[in-house]
Protein backbone atom coordinates (compact mmCIF):
# COMPACT_ATOMS: atom_id res chain seq x y z
CA MET A 1 -11.98 118.48 83.19
CA GLN A 2 -11.74 122.41 83.74
CA THR A 3 -9.62 123.42 86.87
CA ASN A 4 -12.08 125.80 89.22
CA THR A 5 -11.75 127.12 92.73
CA SER A 6 -13.63 124.87 95.25
CA SER A 7 -14.87 125.98 98.72
CA ARG A 8 -14.77 122.08 99.84
CA ARG A 9 -13.24 121.23 103.33
CA THR A 10 -10.00 119.16 102.53
CA MET A 11 -9.01 115.71 103.82
CA ARG A 12 -5.68 113.82 102.91
CA LEU A 13 -6.47 111.24 100.20
CA THR A 14 -3.11 109.25 99.77
CA CYS A 15 0.03 108.32 101.38
CA ARG A 16 3.03 107.07 99.73
CA GLY A 17 6.72 106.21 100.41
CA ARG A 18 7.81 108.79 97.65
CA LEU A 19 11.27 109.52 98.80
CA ALA A 20 12.04 105.77 98.43
CA LEU A 21 11.42 105.38 94.58
CA ILE A 22 13.19 108.60 94.11
CA ALA A 23 16.08 107.82 95.65
CA THR A 24 15.94 104.21 93.48
CA GLY A 25 15.18 106.62 90.25
CA ALA A 26 18.44 108.17 90.92
CA VAL A 27 20.75 105.35 91.34
CA VAL A 28 19.35 104.09 87.78
CA ALA A 29 19.80 107.35 86.05
CA GLY A 30 23.58 107.89 88.08
CA THR A 31 24.48 104.50 86.53
CA ALA A 32 24.02 105.42 82.83
CA VAL A 33 25.26 109.18 83.12
CA ALA A 34 28.41 108.86 85.99
CA VAL A 35 29.77 105.41 85.24
CA PRO A 36 32.57 106.08 83.13
CA LEU A 37 33.84 103.99 79.84
CA LEU A 38 36.90 102.62 79.20
CA THR A 39 38.78 104.51 76.24
CA PRO A 40 41.07 102.50 74.26
CA ASP A 41 44.48 104.46 75.67
CA GLY A 42 43.90 102.62 79.17
CA PRO A 43 41.73 101.50 81.95
CA ASP A 44 41.95 104.99 83.95
CA GLU A 45 40.71 107.19 81.43
CA ALA A 46 36.94 107.77 80.82
CA LYS A 47 35.26 109.24 78.32
CA ARG A 48 31.60 110.40 77.83
CA PRO A 49 28.63 108.05 78.39
CA THR A 50 26.91 106.78 75.51
CA SER A 51 23.59 106.57 76.69
CA LEU A 52 21.19 108.42 79.08
CA VAL A 53 18.27 106.79 81.23
CA ILE A 54 15.44 108.55 82.17
CA PRO A 55 13.51 106.74 84.69
CA GLU A 56 9.72 106.64 84.82
CA GLY A 57 8.22 109.38 87.15
CA TRP A 58 10.66 112.07 86.40
CA ARG A 59 9.74 115.73 86.31
CA ALA A 60 11.04 118.02 83.26
CA ASN A 61 13.61 119.68 85.91
CA GLN A 62 15.46 116.54 87.06
CA ILE A 63 15.37 115.91 82.86
CA TYR A 64 17.34 119.16 82.24
CA GLU A 65 19.49 118.75 85.00
CA ALA A 66 20.31 115.23 83.82
CA VAL A 67 20.95 116.31 80.30
CA ASP A 68 23.13 119.23 81.26
CA LYS A 69 25.49 116.99 83.70
CA VAL A 70 25.64 114.16 80.50
CA LEU A 71 26.72 116.88 78.14
CA ALA A 72 28.75 118.64 80.89
CA LEU A 73 27.39 121.67 80.49
CA PRO A 74 26.56 124.45 82.74
CA ALA A 75 23.64 124.45 85.23
CA GLY A 76 20.37 125.83 83.37
CA THR A 77 21.64 125.10 79.96
CA THR A 78 18.77 122.66 78.70
CA ARG A 79 16.17 124.54 79.95
CA LYS A 80 17.19 127.92 78.11
CA THR A 81 17.16 125.96 74.83
CA LEU A 82 13.58 125.26 75.41
CA PRO A 83 12.30 128.64 73.22
CA THR A 84 14.13 127.34 70.33
CA ALA A 85 13.63 123.68 70.62
CA ASP A 86 10.59 123.73 68.24
CA LEU A 87 9.45 121.00 70.06
CA GLN A 88 6.12 118.98 68.81
CA LEU A 89 3.78 119.57 71.85
CA PRO A 90 -0.09 119.71 71.35
CA ASN A 91 -1.42 123.05 72.03
CA ASP A 92 -2.97 122.40 75.55
CA ALA A 93 0.87 121.95 76.56
CA GLU A 94 1.57 125.63 75.60
CA GLY A 95 5.16 125.11 75.26
CA ASN A 96 5.49 123.31 78.41
CA PRO A 97 7.26 119.91 77.65
CA GLU A 98 6.29 118.57 81.26
CA GLY A 99 5.05 114.99 80.43
CA TYR A 100 6.14 114.50 76.75
CA LEU A 101 9.84 113.82 78.04
CA PHE A 102 9.13 110.37 77.34
CA PRO A 103 11.08 107.87 80.00
CA ALA A 104 13.64 105.77 78.11
CA THR A 105 17.31 105.05 77.37
CA TYR A 106 18.56 107.66 74.62
CA PRO A 107 21.82 106.96 72.97
CA LEU A 108 24.25 109.99 73.02
CA ASP A 109 26.62 110.41 70.10
CA GLU A 110 30.04 113.20 70.09
CA GLU A 111 27.04 115.91 68.46
CA ALA A 112 24.38 115.17 71.18
CA THR A 113 22.65 118.51 72.07
CA PRO A 114 19.89 119.31 74.60
CA GLN A 115 17.90 120.28 71.79
CA ALA A 116 18.20 117.07 70.07
CA LEU A 117 18.01 114.94 73.27
CA LEU A 118 14.62 117.00 74.13
CA THR A 119 13.69 116.46 70.50
CA SER A 120 13.95 112.63 70.38
CA MET A 121 12.16 112.65 73.91
CA VAL A 122 9.30 114.35 72.92
CA ASP A 123 8.98 112.34 69.59
CA THR A 124 9.25 109.50 71.30
CA ALA A 125 6.03 110.15 73.48
CA ASN A 126 4.27 111.44 70.32
CA ARG A 127 4.84 108.17 68.83
CA LYS A 128 3.48 106.21 72.32
CA PHE A 129 0.81 108.71 72.99
CA ASN A 130 -0.91 109.56 69.59
CA GLY A 131 -0.78 105.66 68.64
CA ALA A 132 -4.17 103.83 68.03
CA PRO A 133 -4.30 102.28 71.80
CA ILE A 134 -3.66 105.38 73.76
CA ALA A 135 -5.88 107.98 71.13
CA ALA A 136 -8.84 105.54 71.01
CA GLY A 137 -8.64 105.00 74.64
CA ALA A 138 -8.62 108.84 75.54
CA GLN A 139 -11.55 109.11 73.17
CA ARG A 140 -13.38 106.00 74.88
CA ASN A 141 -13.19 107.78 78.02
CA ALA A 142 -14.34 111.15 76.73
CA MET A 143 -11.03 113.15 77.00
CA ASN A 144 -8.09 114.10 75.26
CA VAL A 145 -4.31 112.68 74.80
CA TYR A 146 -2.97 115.43 76.79
CA GLN A 147 -5.81 114.79 79.21
CA ALA A 148 -4.87 111.00 79.73
CA VAL A 149 -1.03 111.89 79.98
CA THR A 150 -1.67 114.17 82.78
CA ILE A 151 -3.87 111.74 84.25
CA ALA A 152 -1.29 109.11 83.94
CA SER A 153 1.60 111.52 85.45
CA ILE A 154 -0.52 111.59 88.48
CA VAL A 155 -1.04 107.69 88.70
CA GLN A 156 2.77 107.34 88.19
CA ALA A 157 3.40 109.59 91.00
CA GLU A 158 0.87 108.20 93.33
CA ALA A 159 0.52 104.22 92.92
CA ALA A 160 2.77 102.28 95.00
CA THR A 161 3.17 99.30 92.47
CA LYS A 162 2.65 98.92 88.98
CA ALA A 163 -0.08 96.60 89.92
CA ASP A 164 -1.89 99.58 91.88
CA MET A 165 -1.71 101.64 88.95
CA GLY A 166 -5.50 100.83 87.30
CA LYS A 167 -7.00 101.36 91.09
CA VAL A 168 -4.95 104.76 91.26
CA ALA A 169 -6.74 105.66 88.04
CA ARG A 170 -10.16 104.64 88.77
CA VAL A 171 -10.06 106.75 92.13
CA VAL A 172 -9.28 109.54 90.11
CA PHE A 173 -12.14 108.97 87.52
CA ASN A 174 -14.63 108.67 90.03
CA ARG A 175 -13.60 111.87 91.60
CA LEU A 176 -13.84 113.42 88.68
CA GLU A 177 -17.21 112.21 87.69
CA ARG A 178 -18.46 112.78 91.01
CA GLY A 179 -17.59 116.16 91.13
CA MET A 180 -14.93 115.58 93.77
CA PRO A 181 -11.75 117.63 94.13
CA LEU A 182 -8.70 115.00 93.54
CA GLN A 183 -6.75 115.58 96.68
CA MET A 184 -3.65 114.15 95.65
CA ASP A 185 -0.39 114.90 97.56
CA SER A 186 1.41 114.72 94.44
CA THR A 187 0.03 117.80 92.86
CA ILE A 188 0.89 119.43 95.83
CA HIS A 189 4.27 118.59 96.03
CA TYR A 190 4.92 119.49 92.50
CA ALA A 191 3.59 123.04 92.97
CA LEU A 192 6.29 123.41 95.86
CA ASN A 193 8.94 121.73 93.76
CA ARG A 194 9.62 119.32 96.22
CA PHE A 195 9.51 115.48 96.86
CA ALA A 196 8.03 114.73 100.49
CA ALA A 197 6.61 111.99 102.27
CA LYS A 198 4.58 114.65 104.29
CA THR A 199 1.91 116.81 103.09
CA THR A 200 0.62 119.78 105.78
CA GLU A 201 -2.49 121.34 106.18
CA ALA A 202 -0.60 124.77 105.40
CA ASP A 203 0.55 122.96 102.56
CA THR A 204 -3.26 122.24 100.85
CA ARG A 205 -4.36 125.97 101.38
CA ILE A 206 -1.39 127.24 98.64
CA GLU A 207 -2.56 129.16 96.03
CA SER A 208 -1.81 127.44 92.91
CA PRO A 209 -3.45 125.88 89.86
CA TYR A 210 -1.81 122.69 90.85
CA ASN A 211 -3.44 122.42 94.05
CA SER A 212 -6.03 119.69 94.03
CA PHE A 213 -7.35 119.76 97.43
CA GLN A 214 -8.63 123.67 96.55
CA ARG A 215 -9.37 123.38 92.82
CA MET A 216 -11.51 120.90 91.03
CA GLY A 217 -10.58 118.71 87.68
CA LEU A 218 -7.26 118.08 86.54
CA PRO A 219 -4.09 120.16 87.26
CA PRO A 220 -3.21 122.43 84.17
CA THR A 221 -0.07 120.22 83.04
CA PRO A 222 1.07 116.50 83.89
CA ILE A 223 3.50 116.35 86.85
CA ASP A 224 5.81 114.15 85.75
CA SER A 225 6.93 111.69 82.46
CA PRO A 226 4.67 108.55 83.00
CA GLY A 227 5.35 105.33 81.74
CA GLU A 228 3.47 103.20 79.33
CA LYS A 229 2.04 101.14 82.22
CA ALA A 230 0.73 104.37 83.68
CA MET A 231 -0.70 105.52 80.51
CA GLN A 232 -2.25 102.08 79.88
CA ALA A 233 -3.83 102.60 83.59
CA ALA A 234 -5.41 106.24 82.91
CA ILE A 235 -7.08 104.77 79.60
CA SER A 236 -8.28 101.28 81.10
CA PRO A 237 -8.84 101.87 84.70
CA THR A 238 -9.49 99.19 86.60
CA PRO A 239 -13.39 98.50 87.42
CA GLY A 240 -14.38 99.57 90.70
CA ASP A 241 -16.11 102.43 93.23
CA TRP A 242 -12.85 103.65 95.02
CA LEU A 243 -12.48 107.09 96.43
CA TYR A 244 -9.75 106.58 98.95
CA PHE A 245 -6.70 104.49 99.36
CA VAL A 246 -3.67 104.77 101.44
CA THR A 247 -0.37 102.34 101.62
CA VAL A 248 -0.54 100.88 105.14
CA LYS A 249 2.88 99.31 104.65
CA PRO A 250 4.83 97.89 101.88
CA GLY A 251 2.57 95.74 99.66
CA ASP A 252 -0.64 96.86 101.33
CA THR A 253 -2.47 99.77 99.66
CA ARG A 254 -6.06 99.94 100.97
CA PHE A 255 -8.97 100.96 98.29
CA THR A 256 -12.53 101.81 99.60
CA ALA A 257 -15.53 103.50 98.47
CA SER A 258 -16.28 104.18 102.13
CA TYR A 259 -14.72 107.41 104.04
CA GLU A 260 -15.56 105.17 108.01
CA GLU A 261 -13.47 102.44 106.24
CA HIS A 262 -10.52 104.82 105.21
CA GLN A 263 -10.51 106.25 108.34
CA ARG A 264 -10.31 102.92 109.79
CA ASN A 265 -7.02 102.08 106.93
CA VAL A 266 -5.19 105.45 107.93
CA ALA A 267 -5.73 104.43 112.13
CA ASP A 268 -3.84 101.37 110.98
CA PHE A 269 -1.42 103.47 108.83
CA THR A 270 -0.82 105.76 112.06
CA ARG A 271 -0.80 102.77 114.28
CA ARG A 272 1.89 101.17 112.51
CA GLN A 273 4.29 104.26 112.15
CA LYS A 274 4.06 104.88 116.05
CA SER A 275 5.08 101.36 116.26
CA VAL A 276 8.02 101.56 113.81
CA ARG A 277 9.13 104.86 114.99
CA GLY A 278 9.20 103.12 118.51
CA CYS A 279 11.30 100.17 117.54
CA GLN A 280 13.86 102.29 115.61
CA ALA A 281 14.29 104.58 118.50
CA ALA A 282 14.77 101.28 120.55
CA ALA A 283 17.05 99.86 118.32
CA ALA A 284 19.21 103.07 118.15
CA SER A 285 19.34 103.36 121.93
CA CYS A 286 21.23 100.02 122.14
CA SER A 287 23.20 99.30 119.17
CA PRO A 288 26.92 100.18 118.45
CA ALA A 289 27.89 102.88 116.88
CA PRO A 290 27.57 102.19 112.51
CA SER A 291 29.84 102.92 110.25
CA ALA A 292 29.50 105.35 107.66
CA SER A 293 28.34 102.79 104.79
CA SER A 294 25.94 101.05 106.83
CA ARG A 295 24.31 104.92 108.13
CA ALA A 296 23.99 105.38 104.46
CA MET A 297 22.14 102.29 103.87
CA SER A 298 20.05 102.17 107.12
CA ARG A 299 18.78 106.05 106.23
CA THR A 300 17.80 104.81 102.30
CA ALA A 301 16.09 101.55 104.07
CA ALA A 302 14.09 103.47 106.80
CA ARG A 303 12.61 106.12 104.40
CA PRO A 304 9.12 104.31 103.48
CA ALA A 305 8.66 104.17 107.29
CA ARG A 306 9.37 107.84 107.92
CA LEU A 307 5.60 108.65 106.30
CA ALA A 308 3.49 110.96 107.95
CA PRO A 309 0.15 110.13 109.34
CA ILE A 310 -2.72 111.56 106.95
CA VAL A 311 -4.73 114.46 108.80
CA LEU A 312 -8.78 114.27 108.08
CA ALA A 313 -10.93 116.68 107.75
CA ASP A 314 -14.72 116.47 108.37
CA GLY A 315 -15.93 114.08 105.47
CA PRO A 316 -16.74 113.75 101.78
């Protein structure tokens, strides 16, 4: 599962309403961090929160920022503690905790520090990942635990629902076993340090070890913090011969082993997006001006519909 350069022509493999999930995660974490707790002195005085929620799928950068915020520290403080935090990471991680900052709720006391919180996250990950089910499952699939975490992080980023995670994991395994590049949008977005629904042809040509369109095998590290469902999918993928998938609409993710069928699914997706955009344009032209609050709600609700069409090249 080494990463090597590849001369294969690229084709878009997946498409997800990623922005909607990011927005959801931000609301969950924001609730834990930002909701003030009442002090004994009166209802108008607040004190530091008592817990920090790390949602599944968050990247290390997001977690560092959340820790800085909840501890009221200058931006960048948590990241700067990494060299001295003495985190118990696997050798393959080479000191990078990506994937090992386990998503969970972490209590905060008056003496909480970035080092203590990061240590707690990594220790939780080690307990979860190094136990018999995960370690044995990784070995059963001829990989080590770090590789299993890397696959789980891709599954976490790509699967539209938890029910799809096992199938997404199977696509990853099938492509690795056949010597095909993974071609996952999520790894490109990680390399570019962004969250986006659209991946352009130019994006797929970037020079990065995380460019799974141009390089073979797994990326060098996980790309987010996978949860337990994603980890389970990574060690026990759903049986199947799938090589492609696309989410045509919410609740309708189509998996296939046929490139031709995948093209038809992509065409369905493209037609639906054109129809949705047409309906949105028509509604906007004849609707009264919304209030500020309704505009904010409509932007959030519309995000899954603003997916870019998948662009396919010559074939597998």
